[in-house]
PDB file of all heavy atoms in Angstrom:
ATOM      1  N   GLY A   1      -5.273   2.337  -8.211  1.00  0.00           N
ATOM      2  CA  GLY A   1      -5.081   2.629  -6.793  1.00  0.00           C
ATOM      3  C   GLY A   1      -6.273   2.415  -5.877  1.00  0.00           C
ATOM      4  O   GLY A   1      -6.189   2.705  -4.651  1.00  0.00           O
ATOM      5  N   THR A   2      -7.321   1.950  -6.361  1.00  0.00           N
ATOM      6  CA  THR A   2      -8.600   1.856  -5.587  1.00  0.00           C
ATOM      7  C   THR A   2      -8.708   0.560  -4.890  1.00  0.00           C
ATOM      8  O   THR A   2      -9.472   0.388  -3.923  1.00  0.00           O
ATOM      9  CB  THR A   2      -9.881   2.089  -6.408  1.00  0.00           C
ATOM     10  OG1 THR A   2      -9.934   1.081  -7.460  1.00  0.00           O
ATOM     11  CG2 THR A   2      -9.861   3.487  -7.090  1.00  0.00           C
ATOM     12  N   THR A   3      -7.988  -0.468  -5.412  1.00  0.00           N
ATOM     13  CA  THR A   3      -8.055  -1.783  -4.846  1.00  0.00           C
ATOM     14  C   THR A   3      -6.678  -2.232  -4.339  1.00  0.00           C
ATOM     15  O   THR A   3      -5.670  -2.097  -4.996  1.00  0.00           O
ATOM     16  CB  THR A   3      -8.553  -2.820  -5.828  1.00  0.00           C
ATOM     17  OG1 THR A   3      -9.751  -2.402  -6.462  1.00  0.00           O
ATOM     18  CG2 THR A   3      -8.655  -4.207  -5.304  1.00  0.00           C
ATOM     19  N   SER A   4      -6.632  -2.743  -3.039  1.00  0.00           N
ATOM     20  CA  SER A   4      -5.419  -3.267  -2.530  1.00  0.00           C
ATOM     21  C   SER A   4      -5.615  -4.557  -1.855  1.00  0.00           C
ATOM     22  O   SER A   4      -6.769  -4.925  -1.488  1.00  0.00           O
ATOM     23  CB  SER A   4      -4.827  -2.230  -1.508  1.00  0.00           C
ATOM     24  OG  SER A   4      -5.800  -1.941  -0.511  1.00  0.00           O
ATOM     25  N   ASN A   5      -4.598  -5.303  -1.676  1.00  0.00           N
ATOM     26  CA  ASN A   5      -4.640  -6.664  -1.102  1.00  0.00           C
ATOM     27  C   ASN A   5      -3.453  -6.802  -0.178  1.00  0.00           C
ATOM     28  O   ASN A   5      -2.350  -6.426  -0.527  1.00  0.00           O
ATOM     29  CB  ASN A   5      -4.576  -7.660  -2.298  1.00  0.00           C
ATOM     30  CG  ASN A   5      -4.756  -9.087  -1.833  1.00  0.00           C
ATOM     31  OD1 ASN A   5      -5.347  -9.276  -0.801  1.00  0.00           O
ATOM     32  ND2 ASN A   5      -4.311  -9.951  -2.665  1.00  0.00           N
ATOM     33  N   TYR A   6      -3.629  -7.453   1.003  1.00  0.00           N
ATOM     34  CA  TYR A   6      -2.591  -7.554   1.951  1.00  0.00           C
ATOM     35  C   TYR A   6      -2.427  -9.012   2.443  1.00  0.00           C
ATOM     36  O   TYR A   6      -3.445  -9.779   2.485  1.00  0.00           O
ATOM     37  CB  TYR A   6      -2.939  -6.728   3.106  1.00  0.00           C
ATOM     38  CG  TYR A   6      -2.905  -5.186   2.821  1.00  0.00           C
ATOM     39  CD1 TYR A   6      -4.136  -4.565   2.472  1.00  0.00           C
ATOM     40  CD2 TYR A   6      -1.733  -4.405   2.911  1.00  0.00           C
ATOM     41  CE1 TYR A   6      -4.191  -3.252   2.212  1.00  0.00           C
ATOM     42  CE2 TYR A   6      -1.770  -3.052   2.567  1.00  0.00           C
ATOM     43  CZ  TYR A   6      -2.956  -2.509   2.251  1.00  0.00           C
ATOM     44  OH  TYR A   6      -3.000  -1.184   1.924  1.00  0.00           O
ATOM     45  N   ALA A   7      -1.214  -9.337   2.828  1.00  0.00           N
ATOM     46  CA  ALA A   7      -0.994 -10.588   3.485  1.00  0.00           C
ATOM     47  C   ALA A   7      -1.600 -10.535   4.923  1.00  0.00           C
ATOM     48  O   ALA A   7      -1.670  -9.380   5.484  1.00  0.00           O
ATOM     49  CB  ALA A   7       0.486 -10.833   3.629  1.00  0.00           C
ATOM     50  N   ASP A   8      -2.140 -11.567   5.392  1.00  0.00           N
ATOM     51  CA  ASP A   8      -2.813 -11.559   6.716  1.00  0.00           C
ATOM     52  C   ASP A   8      -1.828 -11.083   7.797  1.00  0.00           C
ATOM     53  O   ASP A   8      -2.288 -10.439   8.755  1.00  0.00           O
ATOM     54  CB  ASP A   8      -3.332 -13.002   7.025  1.00  0.00           C
ATOM     55  CG  ASP A   8      -4.514 -13.376   6.201  1.00  0.00           C
ATOM     56  OD1 ASP A   8      -5.184 -12.493   5.616  1.00  0.00           O
ATOM     57  OD2 ASP A   8      -4.776 -14.635   6.191  1.00  0.00           O
ATOM     58  N   SER A   9      -0.563 -11.349   7.665  1.00  0.00           N
ATOM     59  CA  SER A   9       0.381 -10.993   8.683  1.00  0.00           C
ATOM     60  C   SER A   9       0.590  -9.549   8.800  1.00  0.00           C
ATOM     61  O   SER A   9       1.098  -9.052   9.840  1.00  0.00           O
ATOM     62  CB  SER A   9       1.692 -11.685   8.421  1.00  0.00           C
ATOM     63  OG  SER A   9       2.214 -11.309   7.138  1.00  0.00           O
ATOM     64  N   VAL A  10       0.232  -8.761   7.815  1.00  0.00           N
ATOM     65  CA  VAL A  10       0.428  -7.274   7.867  1.00  0.00           C
ATOM     66  C   VAL A  10      -0.909  -6.518   7.805  1.00  0.00           C
ATOM     67  O   VAL A  10      -0.866  -5.260   7.950  1.00  0.00           O
ATOM     68  CB  VAL A  10       1.333  -6.799   6.697  1.00  0.00           C
ATOM     69  CG1 VAL A  10       2.671  -7.592   6.647  1.00  0.00           C
ATOM     70  CG2 VAL A  10       0.649  -6.897   5.320  1.00  0.00           C
ATOM     71  N   LYS A  11      -1.939  -7.162   7.612  1.00  0.00           N
ATOM     72  CA  LYS A  11      -3.239  -6.454   7.526  1.00  0.00           C
ATOM     73  C   LYS A  11      -3.527  -5.655   8.708  1.00  0.00           C
ATOM     74  O   LYS A  11      -3.377  -6.045   9.853  1.00  0.00           O
ATOM     75  CB  LYS A  11      -4.300  -7.514   7.246  1.00  0.00           C
ATOM     76  CG  LYS A  11      -5.541  -7.043   6.571  1.00  0.00           C
ATOM     77  CD  LYS A  11      -6.522  -8.195   6.178  1.00  0.00           C
ATOM     78  CE  LYS A  11      -5.916  -9.101   5.019  1.00  0.00           C
ATOM     79  NZ  LYS A  11      -6.819 -10.139   4.603  1.00  0.00           N
ATOM     80  N   GLY A  12      -3.964  -4.377   8.477  1.00  0.00           N
ATOM     81  CA  GLY A  12      -4.226  -3.525   9.561  1.00  0.00           C
ATOM     82  C   GLY A  12      -3.006  -2.716  10.034  1.00  0.00           C
ATOM     83  O   GLY A  12      -3.152  -1.743  10.894  1.00  0.00           O
ATOM     84  N   ARG A  13      -1.880  -3.138   9.679  1.00  0.00           N
ATOM     85  CA  ARG A  13      -0.649  -2.449  10.043  1.00  0.00           C
ATOM     86  C   ARG A  13       0.099  -1.786   8.882  1.00  0.00           C
ATOM     87  O   ARG A  13       0.760  -0.665   9.086  1.00  0.00           O
ATOM     88  CB  ARG A  13       0.408  -3.412  10.730  1.00  0.00           C
ATOM     89  CG  ARG A  13      -0.181  -4.076  11.915  1.00  0.00           C
ATOM     90  CD  ARG A  13       0.889  -4.984  12.641  1.00  0.00           C
ATOM     91  NE  ARG A  13       1.414  -5.990  11.807  1.00  0.00           N
ATOM     92  CZ  ARG A  13       2.683  -6.165  11.441  1.00  0.00           C
ATOM     93  NH1 ARG A  13       3.539  -5.319  11.878  1.00  0.00           N
ATOM     94  NH2 ARG A  13       3.035  -7.243  10.707  1.00  0.00           N
ATOM     95  N   PHE A  14      -0.001  -2.361   7.672  1.00  0.00           N
ATOM     96  CA  PHE A  14       0.697  -1.801   6.539  1.00  0.00           C
ATOM     97  C   PHE A  14      -0.351  -1.201   5.571  1.00  0.00           C
ATOM     98  O   PHE A  14      -1.528  -1.713   5.532  1.00  0.00           O
ATOM     99  CB  PHE A  14       1.426  -2.898   5.811  1.00  0.00           C
ATOM    100  CG  PHE A  14       2.614  -3.433   6.504  1.00  0.00           C
ATOM    101  CD1 PHE A  14       2.944  -3.108   7.849  1.00  0.00           C
ATOM    102  CD2 PHE A  14       3.567  -4.244   5.830  1.00  0.00           C
ATOM    103  CE1 PHE A  14       4.056  -3.629   8.496  1.00  0.00           C
ATOM    104  CE2 PHE A  14       4.737  -4.733   6.492  1.00  0.00           C
ATOM    105  CZ  PHE A  14       4.958  -4.430   7.754  1.00  0.00           C
ATOM    106  N   THR A  15       0.088  -0.207   4.812  1.00  0.00           N
ATOM    107  CA  THR A  15      -0.826   0.385   3.818  1.00  0.00           C
ATOM    108  C   THR A  15       0.020   0.648   2.560  1.00  0.00           C
ATOM    109  O   THR A  15       1.052   1.298   2.583  1.00  0.00           O
ATOM    110  CB  THR A  15      -1.415   1.751   4.286  1.00  0.00           C
ATOM    111  OG1 THR A  15      -2.072   1.525   5.542  1.00  0.00           O
ATOM    112  CG2 THR A  15      -2.292   2.306   3.264  1.00  0.00           C
ATOM    113  N   ILE A  16      -0.519   0.140   1.480  1.00  0.00           N
ATOM    114  CA  ILE A  16       0.121   0.376   0.127  1.00  0.00           C
ATOM    115  C   ILE A  16      -0.550   1.487  -0.537  1.00  0.00           C
ATOM    116  O   ILE A  16      -1.801   1.633  -0.435  1.00  0.00           O
ATOM    117  CB  ILE A  16       0.124  -0.908  -0.684  1.00  0.00           C
ATOM    118  CG1 ILE A  16       0.994  -0.708  -1.965  1.00  0.00           C
ATOM    119  CG2 ILE A  16      -1.277  -1.323  -1.023  1.00  0.00           C
ATOM    120  CD1 ILE A  16       1.256  -2.032  -2.742  1.00  0.00           C
ATOM    121  N   SER A  17       0.166   2.312  -1.255  1.00  0.00           N
ATOM    122  CA  SER A  17      -0.406   3.466  -1.972  1.00  0.00           C
ATOM    123  C   SER A  17       0.476   3.699  -3.243  1.00  0.00           C
ATOM    124  O   SER A  17       1.629   3.171  -3.304  1.00  0.00           O
ATOM    125  CB  SER A  17      -0.516   4.690  -1.140  1.00  0.00           C
ATOM    126  OG  SER A  17       0.812   5.113  -0.660  1.00  0.00           O
ATOM    127  N   ARG A  18      -0.081   4.431  -4.123  1.00  0.00           N
ATOM    128  CA  ARG A  18       0.722   4.779  -5.347  1.00  0.00           C
ATOM    129  C   ARG A  18       0.398   6.185  -5.784  1.00  0.00           C
ATOM    130  O   ARG A  18      -0.727   6.720  -5.544  1.00  0.00           O
ATOM    131  CB  ARG A  18       0.456   3.791  -6.504  1.00  0.00           C
ATOM    132  CG  ARG A  18      -0.996   3.740  -7.022  1.00  0.00           C
ATOM    133  CD  ARG A  18      -1.178   2.640  -8.020  1.00  0.00           C
ATOM    134  NE  ARG A  18      -0.221   2.677  -9.119  1.00  0.00           N
ATOM    135  CZ  ARG A  18      -0.005   1.721 -10.011  1.00  0.00           C
ATOM    136  NH1 ARG A  18      -0.652   0.541  -9.784  1.00  0.00           N
ATOM    137  NH2 ARG A  18       0.813   1.766 -10.929  1.00  0.00           N
ATOM    138  N   ASP A  19       1.318   6.736  -6.459  1.00  0.00           N
ATOM    139  CA  ASP A  19       1.193   8.093  -7.090  1.00  0.00           C
ATOM    140  C   ASP A  19       1.543   7.872  -8.543  1.00  0.00           C
ATOM    141  O   ASP A  19       2.738   7.872  -8.921  1.00  0.00           O
ATOM    142  CB  ASP A  19       2.168   9.125  -6.378  1.00  0.00           C
ATOM    143  CG  ASP A  19       1.952  10.498  -6.924  1.00  0.00           C
ATOM    144  OD1 ASP A  19       1.477  10.714  -8.091  1.00  0.00           O
ATOM    145  OD2 ASP A  19       2.288  11.465  -6.158  1.00  0.00           O
ATOM    146  N   SER A  20       0.584   7.744  -9.388  1.00  0.00           N
ATOM    147  CA  SER A  20       0.772   7.475 -10.812  1.00  0.00           C
ATOM    148  C   SER A  20       1.462   8.647 -11.498  1.00  0.00           C
ATOM    149  O   SER A  20       2.293   8.447 -12.361  1.00  0.00           O
ATOM    150  CB  SER A  20      -0.519   7.162 -11.473  1.00  0.00           C
ATOM    151  OG  SER A  20      -1.028   5.980 -11.046  1.00  0.00           O
ATOM    152  N   ALA A  21       1.279   9.892 -11.083  1.00  0.00           N
ATOM    153  CA  ALA A  21       1.826  11.076 -11.670  1.00  0.00           C
ATOM    154  C   ALA A  21       3.421  10.925 -11.470  1.00  0.00           C
ATOM    155  O   ALA A  21       4.139  11.409 -12.325  1.00  0.00           O
ATOM    156  CB  ALA A  21       1.319  12.346 -11.080  1.00  0.00           C
ATOM    157  N   LYS A  22       3.786  10.424 -10.305  1.00  0.00           N
ATOM    158  CA  LYS A  22       5.218  10.346 -10.020  1.00  0.00           C
ATOM    159  C   LYS A  22       5.777   8.989 -10.323  1.00  0.00           C
ATOM    160  O   LYS A  22       7.038   8.723 -10.118  1.00  0.00           O
ATOM    161  CB  LYS A  22       5.494  10.684  -8.535  1.00  0.00           C
ATOM    162  CG  LYS A  22       5.106  12.132  -8.122  1.00  0.00           C
ATOM    163  CD  LYS A  22       5.372  12.307  -6.648  1.00  0.00           C
ATOM    164  CE  LYS A  22       5.070  13.789  -6.332  1.00  0.00           C
ATOM    165  NZ  LYS A  22       5.294  14.056  -4.885  1.00  0.00           N
ATOM    166  N   ASN A  23       4.922   7.975 -10.798  1.00  0.00           N
ATOM    167  CA  ASN A  23       5.386   6.683 -11.097  1.00  0.00           C
ATOM    168  C   ASN A  23       6.036   6.006  -9.786  1.00  0.00           C
ATOM    169  O   ASN A  23       7.125   5.403  -9.956  1.00  0.00           O
ATOM    170  CB  ASN A  23       6.415   6.685 -12.266  1.00  0.00           C
ATOM    171  CG  ASN A  23       6.302   5.491 -13.209  1.00  0.00           C
ATOM    172  OD1 ASN A  23       5.175   4.827 -13.222  1.00  0.00           O
ATOM    173  ND2 ASN A  23       7.207   5.301 -13.951  1.00  0.00           N
ATOM    174  N   THR A  24       5.397   6.207  -8.713  1.00  0.00           N
ATOM    175  CA  THR A  24       5.917   5.649  -7.472  1.00  0.00           C
ATOM    176  C   THR A  24       4.832   4.725  -6.801  1.00  0.00           C
ATOM    177  O   THR A  24       3.634   4.963  -6.950  1.00  0.00           O
ATOM    178  CB  THR A  24       6.369   6.669  -6.484  1.00  0.00           C
ATOM    179  OG1 THR A  24       5.274   7.512  -6.177  1.00  0.00           O
ATOM    180  CG2 THR A  24       7.473   7.566  -7.120  1.00  0.00           C
ATOM    181  N   VAL A  25       5.345   3.879  -5.940  1.00  0.00           N
ATOM    182  CA  VAL A  25       4.412   3.090  -5.032  1.00  0.00           C
ATOM    183  C   VAL A  25       5.099   3.075  -3.662  1.00  0.00           C
ATOM    184  O   VAL A  25       6.357   3.002  -3.605  1.00  0.00           O
ATOM    185  CB  VAL A  25       4.247   1.694  -5.528  1.00  0.00           C
ATOM    186  CG1 VAL A  25       5.509   0.873  -5.626  1.00  0.00           C
ATOM    187  CG2 VAL A  25       3.152   0.983  -4.723  1.00  0.00           C
ATOM    188  N   SER A  26       4.273   3.179  -2.629  1.00  0.00           N
ATOM    189  CA  SER A  26       4.843   3.291  -1.282  1.00  0.00           C
ATOM    190  C   SER A  26       4.189   2.276  -0.377  1.00  0.00           C
ATOM    191  O   SER A  26       3.181   1.705  -0.664  1.00  0.00           O
ATOM    192  CB  SER A  26       4.582   4.676  -0.647  1.00  0.00           C
ATOM    193  OG  SER A  26       5.193   5.672  -1.459  1.00  0.00           O
ATOM    194  N   LEU A  27       4.916   1.986   0.722  1.00  0.00           N
ATOM    195  CA  LEU A  27       4.405   1.056   1.718  1.00  0.00           C
ATOM    196  C   LEU A  27       4.583   1.688   3.102  1.00  0.00           C
ATOM    197  O   LEU A  27       5.704   1.843   3.534  1.00  0.00           O
ATOM    198  CB  LEU A  27       5.100  -0.282   1.650  1.00  0.00           C
ATOM    199  CG  LEU A  27       4.577  -1.365   2.563  1.00  0.00           C
ATOM    200  CD1 LEU A  27       3.183  -1.809   2.101  1.00  0.00           C
ATOM    201  CD2 LEU A  27       5.510  -2.590   2.628  1.00  0.00           C
ATOM    202  N   SER A  28       3.491   2.055   3.752  1.00  0.00           N
ATOM    203  CA  SER A  28       3.629   2.662   5.148  1.00  0.00           C
ATOM    204  C   SER A  28       3.458   1.468   6.139  1.00  0.00           C
ATOM    205  O   SER A  28       2.431   0.655   6.054  1.00  0.00           O
ATOM    206  CB  SER A  28       2.481   3.651   5.338  1.00  0.00           C
ATOM    207  OG  SER A  28       2.702   4.810   4.506  1.00  0.00           O
ATOM    208  N   MET A  29       4.395   1.362   7.006  1.00  0.00           N
ATOM    209  CA  MET A  29       4.395   0.255   7.957  1.00  0.00           C
ATOM    210  C   MET A  29       4.384   0.767   9.374  1.00  0.00           C
ATOM    211  O   MET A  29       5.242   1.502   9.790  1.00  0.00           O
ATOM    212  CB  MET A  29       5.683  -0.610   7.667  1.00  0.00           C
ATOM    213  CG  MET A  29       5.882  -1.091   6.291  1.00  0.00           C
ATOM    214  SD  MET A  29       7.309  -2.205   6.017  1.00  0.00           S
ATOM    215  CE  MET A  29       8.620  -1.000   6.420  1.00  0.00           C
ATOM    216  N   ASN A  30       3.298   0.395  10.092  1.00  0.00           N
ATOM    217  CA  ASN A  30       3.196   0.745  11.512  1.00  0.00           C
ATOM    218  C   ASN A  30       3.180  -0.521  12.335  1.00  0.00           C
ATOM    219  O   ASN A  30       2.987  -1.597  11.931  1.00  0.00           O
ATOM    220  CB  ASN A  30       1.846   1.514  11.622  1.00  0.00           C
ATOM    221  CG  ASN A  30       1.831   2.826  10.824  1.00  0.00           C
ATOM    222  OD1 ASN A  30       2.800   3.543  10.807  1.00  0.00           O
ATOM    223  ND2 ASN A  30       0.713   3.076  10.163  1.00  0.00           N
TER     224      ASN A  30
END
């Protein structure tokens, strides 16, 4: 979860995160 990579078109607007304990990944889109 310490390294993330984004498409240029979404950089600065989207944030990817994960919760390994819950086995989930999320995408916050602003």
